[in-house]
Amino acid sequence: RRHPESVCNLSPEFTTTRMFSALRTLPLRARPIARTFATTPRVFAGHKAAALLGEGAKPGEVPTDENQATGLERLELLGKMEGVDVFDMNPLEMTRMGTLQDPIKIYSLAAERHVGCTGYPADSHDTIWLTVTHAKKNHRCPECGCVYTLDFHGDPHAHEHH
């Protein structure tokens, strides 16, 4: 039996080496791989990688933006290559004041969109951010009274948490 002080005097490298060698001698148990049913057909169907993942650079090359961009950055980059502004960041053309009878329509594929109202005529007050939703018909700016409504073109049955 060892004395407790001798355990404290062992070097960390020695204890780590002994621990790993002891682990290697343990028998390995065969266990099934847990996989959801949704991924199993996709794995066996032979599909390619998702379009929003770049293929990466070849070994020895410096990667370009097209090679390494992923997710929303890649979506925006591919859209620019096709000549499409995927995020539609252009300002609204305010040629009139939105009223309850004739509100300013905000095109959207999502169930909600954020709109920055600067008043009519433009820049007549500080930017006030409004959340225009599909659930509520009209949204009024508390400063100037301009009314906005969502012109929804998305899937009404889609989940909003994507």
C-alpha atoms as a PDB file:
ATOM      1  CA  ARG A   1       0.000   0.000   0.000  1.00  0.00           C
ATOM      2  CA  ARG A   2       1.323   3.455  -0.928  1.00  0.00           C
ATOM      3  CA  HIS A   3       1.682   6.305   1.420  1.00  0.00           C
ATOM      4  CA  PRO A   4      -0.542   9.314   0.459  1.00  0.00           C
ATOM      5  CA  GLU A   5       2.505  11.595   0.248  1.00  0.00           C
ATOM      6  CA  SER A   6       4.037   9.475  -2.523  1.00  0.00           C
ATOM      7  CA  VAL A   7       0.987  10.116  -4.723  1.00  0.00           C
ATOM      8  CA  CYS A   8       1.508  13.869  -4.425  1.00  0.00           C
ATOM      9  CA  ASN A   9       5.179  13.532  -5.398  1.00  0.00           C
ATOM     10  CA  LEU A  10       4.440  11.907  -8.787  1.00  0.00           C
ATOM     11  CA  SER A  11       4.970  14.123 -11.805  1.00  0.00           C
ATOM     12  CA  PRO A  12       1.881  15.040 -13.845  1.00  0.00           C
ATOM     13  CA  GLU A  13       3.401  13.464 -16.991  1.00  0.00           C
ATOM     14  CA  PHE A  14       3.815  10.151 -15.187  1.00  0.00           C
ATOM     15  CA  THR A  15       0.239  10.058 -13.915  1.00  0.00           C
ATOM     16  CA  THR A  16      -1.160  11.050 -17.319  1.00  0.00           C
ATOM     17  CA  THR A  17       0.877   8.361 -19.070  1.00  0.00           C
ATOM     18  CA  ARG A  18      -0.252   5.701 -16.610  1.00  0.00           C
ATOM     19  CA  MET A  19      -3.866   6.824 -16.920  1.00  0.00           C
ATOM     20  CA  PHE A  20      -3.878   6.588 -20.745  1.00  0.00           C
ATOM     21  CA  SER A  21      -2.123   3.230 -20.767  1.00  0.00           C
ATOM     22  CA  ALA A  22      -4.718   1.914 -18.320  1.00  0.00           C
ATOM     23  CA  LEU A  23      -7.524   3.210 -20.540  1.00  0.00           C
ATOM     24  CA  ARG A  24      -6.058   1.464 -23.598  1.00  0.00           C
ATOM     25  CA  THR A  25      -6.255  -1.896 -21.856  1.00  0.00           C
ATOM     26  CA  LEU A  26      -9.990  -1.609 -21.188  1.00  0.00           C
ATOM     27  CA  PRO A  27     -12.199  -3.621 -23.567  1.00  0.00           C
ATOM     28  CA  LEU A  28     -14.119  -1.598 -26.137  1.00  0.00           C
ATOM     29  CA  ARG A  29     -17.820  -2.180 -26.316  1.00  0.00           C
ATOM     30  CA  ALA A  30     -19.561  -2.139 -29.651  1.00  0.00           C
ATOM     31  CA  ARG A  31     -22.418   0.300 -29.477  1.00  0.00           C
ATOM     32  CA  PRO A  32     -24.823   1.444 -32.173  1.00  0.00           C
ATOM     33  CA  ILE A  33     -24.462   4.942 -33.573  1.00  0.00           C
ATOM     34  CA  ALA A  34     -27.386   7.121 -32.568  1.00  0.00           C
ATOM     35  CA  ARG A  35     -28.790   8.906 -35.599  1.00  0.00           C
ATOM     36  CA  THR A  36     -32.110  10.607 -36.144  1.00  0.00           C
ATOM     37  CA  PHE A  37     -34.471   9.227 -38.745  1.00  0.00           C
ATOM     38  CA  ALA A  38     -34.377  12.548 -40.601  1.00  0.00           C
ATOM     39  CA  THR A  39     -30.650  12.273 -41.334  1.00  0.00           C
ATOM     40  CA  THR A  40     -30.511   8.577 -42.227  1.00  0.00           C
ATOM     41  CA  PRO A  41     -32.137   8.820 -45.702  1.00  0.00           C
ATOM     42  CA  ARG A  42     -30.073  11.905 -46.515  1.00  0.00           C
ATOM     43  CA  VAL A  43     -26.825  10.110 -45.655  1.00  0.00           C
ATOM     44  CA  PHE A  44     -27.680   7.120 -47.819  1.00  0.00           C
ATOM     45  CA  ALA A  45     -29.177   9.148 -50.694  1.00  0.00           C
ATOM     46  CA  GLY A  46     -25.758  10.385 -51.856  1.00  0.00           C
ATOM     47  CA  HIS A  47     -26.659  14.083 -51.845  1.00  0.00           C
ATOM     48  CA  LYS A  48     -23.987  16.708 -52.338  1.00  0.00           C
ATOM     49  CA  ALA A  49     -22.968  19.204 -49.669  1.00  0.00           C
ATOM     50  CA  ALA A  50     -25.334  22.075 -48.925  1.00  0.00           C
ATOM     51  CA  ALA A  51     -25.122  25.001 -51.366  1.00  0.00           C
ATOM     52  CA  LEU A  52     -24.388  27.434 -48.541  1.00  0.00           C
ATOM     53  CA  LEU A  53     -21.105  25.701 -47.694  1.00  0.00           C
ATOM     54  CA  GLY A  54     -18.062  26.552 -49.782  1.00  0.00           C
ATOM     55  CA  GLU A  55     -15.867  23.775 -51.150  1.00  0.00           C
ATOM     56  CA  GLY A  56     -12.775  25.300 -49.538  1.00  0.00           C
ATOM     57  CA  ALA A  57      -9.388  25.979 -51.069  1.00  0.00           C
ATOM     58  CA  LYS A  58      -7.147  23.283 -52.490  1.00  0.00           C
ATOM     59  CA  PRO A  59      -4.032  22.476 -50.448  1.00  0.00           C
ATOM     60  CA  GLY A  60      -1.322  25.066 -50.992  1.00  0.00           C
ATOM     61  CA  GLU A  61      -3.690  27.764 -52.313  1.00  0.00           C
ATOM     62  CA  VAL A  62      -4.950  30.919 -50.647  1.00  0.00           C
ATOM     63  CA  PRO A  63      -8.751  30.676 -50.289  1.00  0.00           C
ATOM     64  CA  THR A  64     -10.955  33.244 -51.978  1.00  0.00           C
ATOM     65  CA  ASP A  65     -14.244  34.554 -50.628  1.00  0.00           C
ATOM     66  CA  GLU A  66     -16.110  32.127 -52.888  1.00  0.00           C
ATOM     67  CA  ASN A  67     -14.118  29.213 -51.423  1.00  0.00           C
ATOM     68  CA  GLN A  68     -14.532  29.900 -47.738  1.00  0.00           C
ATOM     69  CA  ALA A  69     -17.759  31.894 -47.286  1.00  0.00           C
ATOM     70  CA  THR A  70     -20.606  30.034 -45.550  1.00  0.00           C
ATOM     71  CA  GLY A  71     -24.160  30.696 -44.426  1.00  0.00           C
ATOM     72  CA  LEU A  72     -25.686  34.133 -44.962  1.00  0.00           C
ATOM     73  CA  GLU A  73     -22.370  35.565 -46.133  1.00  0.00           C
ATOM     74  CA  ARG A  74     -22.259  32.967 -48.930  1.00  0.00           C
ATOM     75  CA  LEU A  75     -25.923  33.587 -49.785  1.00  0.00           C
ATOM     76  CA  GLU A  76     -25.212  37.304 -50.159  1.00  0.00           C
ATOM     77  CA  LEU A  77     -22.053  36.628 -52.202  1.00  0.00           C
ATOM     78  CA  LEU A  78     -23.848  34.224 -54.569  1.00  0.00           C
ATOM     79  CA  GLY A  79     -26.688  36.725 -54.906  1.00  0.00           C
ATOM     80  CA  LYS A  80     -24.284  39.513 -55.868  1.00  0.00           C
ATOM     81  CA  MET A  81     -22.706  37.229 -58.480  1.00  0.00           C
ATOM     82  CA  GLU A  82     -26.194  36.711 -59.955  1.00  0.00           C
ATOM     83  CA  GLY A  83     -27.034  40.423 -59.703  1.00  0.00           C
ATOM     84  CA  VAL A  84     -29.636  39.998 -56.945  1.00  0.00           C
ATOM     85  CA  ASP A  85     -29.747  42.027 -53.715  1.00  0.00           C
ATOM     86  CA  VAL A  86     -30.854  39.222 -51.384  1.00  0.00           C
ATOM     87  CA  PHE A  87     -31.348  41.457 -48.332  1.00  0.00           C
ATOM     88  CA  ASP A  88     -33.066  44.341 -50.176  1.00  0.00           C
ATOM     89  CA  MET A  89     -31.311  47.075 -48.211  1.00  0.00           C
ATOM     90  CA  ASN A  90     -32.498  49.893 -50.481  1.00  0.00           C
ATOM     91  CA  PRO A  91     -34.500  52.619 -48.746  1.00  0.00           C
ATOM     92  CA  LEU A  92     -38.248  52.859 -49.287  1.00  0.00           C
ATOM     93  CA  GLU A  93     -39.341  55.523 -51.734  1.00  0.00           C
ATOM     94  CA  MET A  94     -41.594  57.758 -49.687  1.00  0.00           C
ATOM     95  CA  THR A  95     -43.579  59.673 -52.297  1.00  0.00           C
ATOM     96  CA  ARG A  96     -46.561  60.088 -50.008  1.00  0.00           C
ATOM     97  CA  MET A  97     -47.705  59.844 -46.417  1.00  0.00           C
ATOM     98  CA  GLY A  98     -49.121  56.437 -45.463  1.00  0.00           C
ATOM     99  CA  THR A  99     -52.693  56.589 -44.149  1.00  0.00           C
ATOM    100  CA  LEU A 100     -55.067  54.006 -42.692  1.00  0.00           C
ATOM    101  CA  GLN A 101     -56.941  53.868 -46.013  1.00  0.00           C
ATOM    102  CA  ASP A 102     -53.730  53.777 -48.126  1.00  0.00           C
ATOM    103  CA  PRO A 103     -50.755  52.535 -46.038  1.00  0.00           C
ATOM    104  CA  ILE A 104     -47.162  52.193 -47.269  1.00  0.00           C
ATOM    105  CA  LYS A 105     -46.749  48.534 -48.285  1.00  0.00           C
ATOM    106  CA  ILE A 106     -43.593  46.756 -47.103  1.00  0.00           C
ATOM    107  CA  TYR A 107     -42.699  43.727 -49.260  1.00  0.00           C
ATOM    108  CA  SER A 108     -41.553  40.761 -47.163  1.00  0.00           C
ATOM    109  CA  LEU A 109     -41.025  37.016 -47.370  1.00  0.00           C
ATOM    110  CA  ALA A 110     -40.916  36.796 -43.565  1.00  0.00           C
ATOM    111  CA  ALA A 111     -43.811  37.231 -41.147  1.00  0.00           C
ATOM    112  CA  GLU A 112     -42.230  40.377 -39.694  1.00  0.00           C
ATOM    113  CA  ARG A 113     -39.903  43.127 -40.843  1.00  0.00           C
ATOM    114  CA  HIS A 114     -38.207  46.072 -39.167  1.00  0.00           C
ATOM    115  CA  VAL A 115     -38.846  49.478 -40.723  1.00  0.00           C
ATOM    116  CA  GLY A 116     -37.057  52.706 -39.840  1.00  0.00           C
ATOM    117  CA  CYS A 117     -39.424  55.650 -40.230  1.00  0.00           C
ATOM    118  CA  THR A 118     -37.803  59.072 -40.753  1.00  0.00           C
ATOM    119  CA  GLY A 119     -41.070  60.862 -41.440  1.00  0.00           C
ATOM    120  CA  TYR A 120     -42.627  62.482 -44.474  1.00  0.00           C
ATOM    121  CA  PRO A 121     -41.045  64.408 -46.086  1.00  0.00           C
ATOM    122  CA  ALA A 122     -37.872  62.368 -45.540  1.00  0.00           C
ATOM    123  CA  ASP A 123     -35.718  63.167 -42.492  1.00  0.00           C
ATOM    124  CA  SER A 124     -38.409  65.250 -40.804  1.00  0.00           C
ATOM    125  CA  HIS A 125     -37.724  63.399 -37.516  1.00  0.00           C
ATOM    126  CA  ASP A 126     -35.190  60.987 -36.032  1.00  0.00           C
ATOM    127  CA  THR A 127     -35.378  57.356 -37.132  1.00  0.00           C
ATOM    128  CA  ILE A 128     -38.011  55.416 -35.220  1.00  0.00           C
ATOM    129  CA  TRP A 129     -37.850  51.652 -35.675  1.00  0.00           C
ATOM    130  CA  LEU A 130     -41.143  49.807 -36.079  1.00  0.00           C
ATOM    131  CA  THR A 131     -41.682  46.055 -36.187  1.00  0.00           C
ATOM    132  CA  VAL A 132     -44.231  45.499 -38.935  1.00  0.00           C
ATOM    133  CA  THR A 133     -45.870  42.067 -38.586  1.00  0.00           C
ATOM    134  CA  HIS A 134     -48.164  39.931 -40.691  1.00  0.00           C
ATOM    135  CA  ALA A 135     -50.485  39.362 -37.726  1.00  0.00           C
ATOM    136  CA  LYS A 136     -51.399  43.053 -37.315  1.00  0.00           C
ATOM    137  CA  LYS A 137     -52.773  44.890 -40.338  1.00  0.00           C
ATOM    138  CA  ASN A 138     -51.492  48.464 -39.840  1.00  0.00           C
ATOM    139  CA  HIS A 139     -48.565  49.932 -37.915  1.00  0.00           C
ATOM    140  CA  ARG A 140     -48.416  53.665 -37.239  1.00  0.00           C
ATOM    141  CA  CYS A 141     -45.309  55.735 -36.500  1.00  0.00           C
ATOM    142  CA  PRO A 142     -45.846  57.489 -33.148  1.00  0.00           C
ATOM    143  CA  GLU A 143     -43.932  60.596 -34.299  1.00  0.00           C
ATOM    144  CA  CYS A 144     -45.380  61.495 -37.712  1.00  0.00           C
ATOM    145  CA  GLY A 145     -48.392  59.158 -37.975  1.00  0.00           C
ATOM    146  CA  CYS A 146     -47.274  57.451 -41.188  1.00  0.00           C
ATOM    147  CA  VAL A 147     -48.953  54.035 -41.537  1.00  0.00           C
ATOM    148  CA  TYR A 148     -47.180  50.879 -42.770  1.00  0.00           C
ATOM    149  CA  THR A 149     -48.530  47.447 -43.613  1.00  0.00           C
ATOM    150  CA  LEU A 150     -46.740  44.209 -44.454  1.00  0.00           C
ATOM    151  CA  ASP A 151     -47.135  42.979 -48.038  1.00  0.00           C
ATOM    152  CA  PHE A 152     -46.482  39.343 -47.113  1.00  0.00           C
ATOM    153  CA  HIS A 153     -45.409  36.968 -49.923  1.00  0.00           C
ATOM    154  CA  GLY A 154     -43.940  34.135 -47.828  1.00  0.00           C
ATOM    155  CA  ASP A 155     -45.259  30.747 -46.774  1.00  0.00           C
ATOM    156  CA  PRO A 156     -48.029  31.320 -44.204  1.00  0.00           C
ATOM    157  CA  HIS A 157     -47.457  27.840 -42.744  1.00  0.00           C
ATOM    158  CA  ALA A 158     -43.684  28.217 -42.339  1.00  0.00           C
ATOM    159  CA  HIS A 159     -42.175  28.248 -38.871  1.00  0.00           C
ATOM    160  CA  GLU A 160     -40.915  31.671 -37.821  1.00  0.00           C
ATOM    161  CA  HIS A 161     -37.951  30.437 -35.755  1.00  0.00           C
ATOM    162  CA  HIS A 162     -35.573  29.581 -38.632  1.00  0.00           C
END
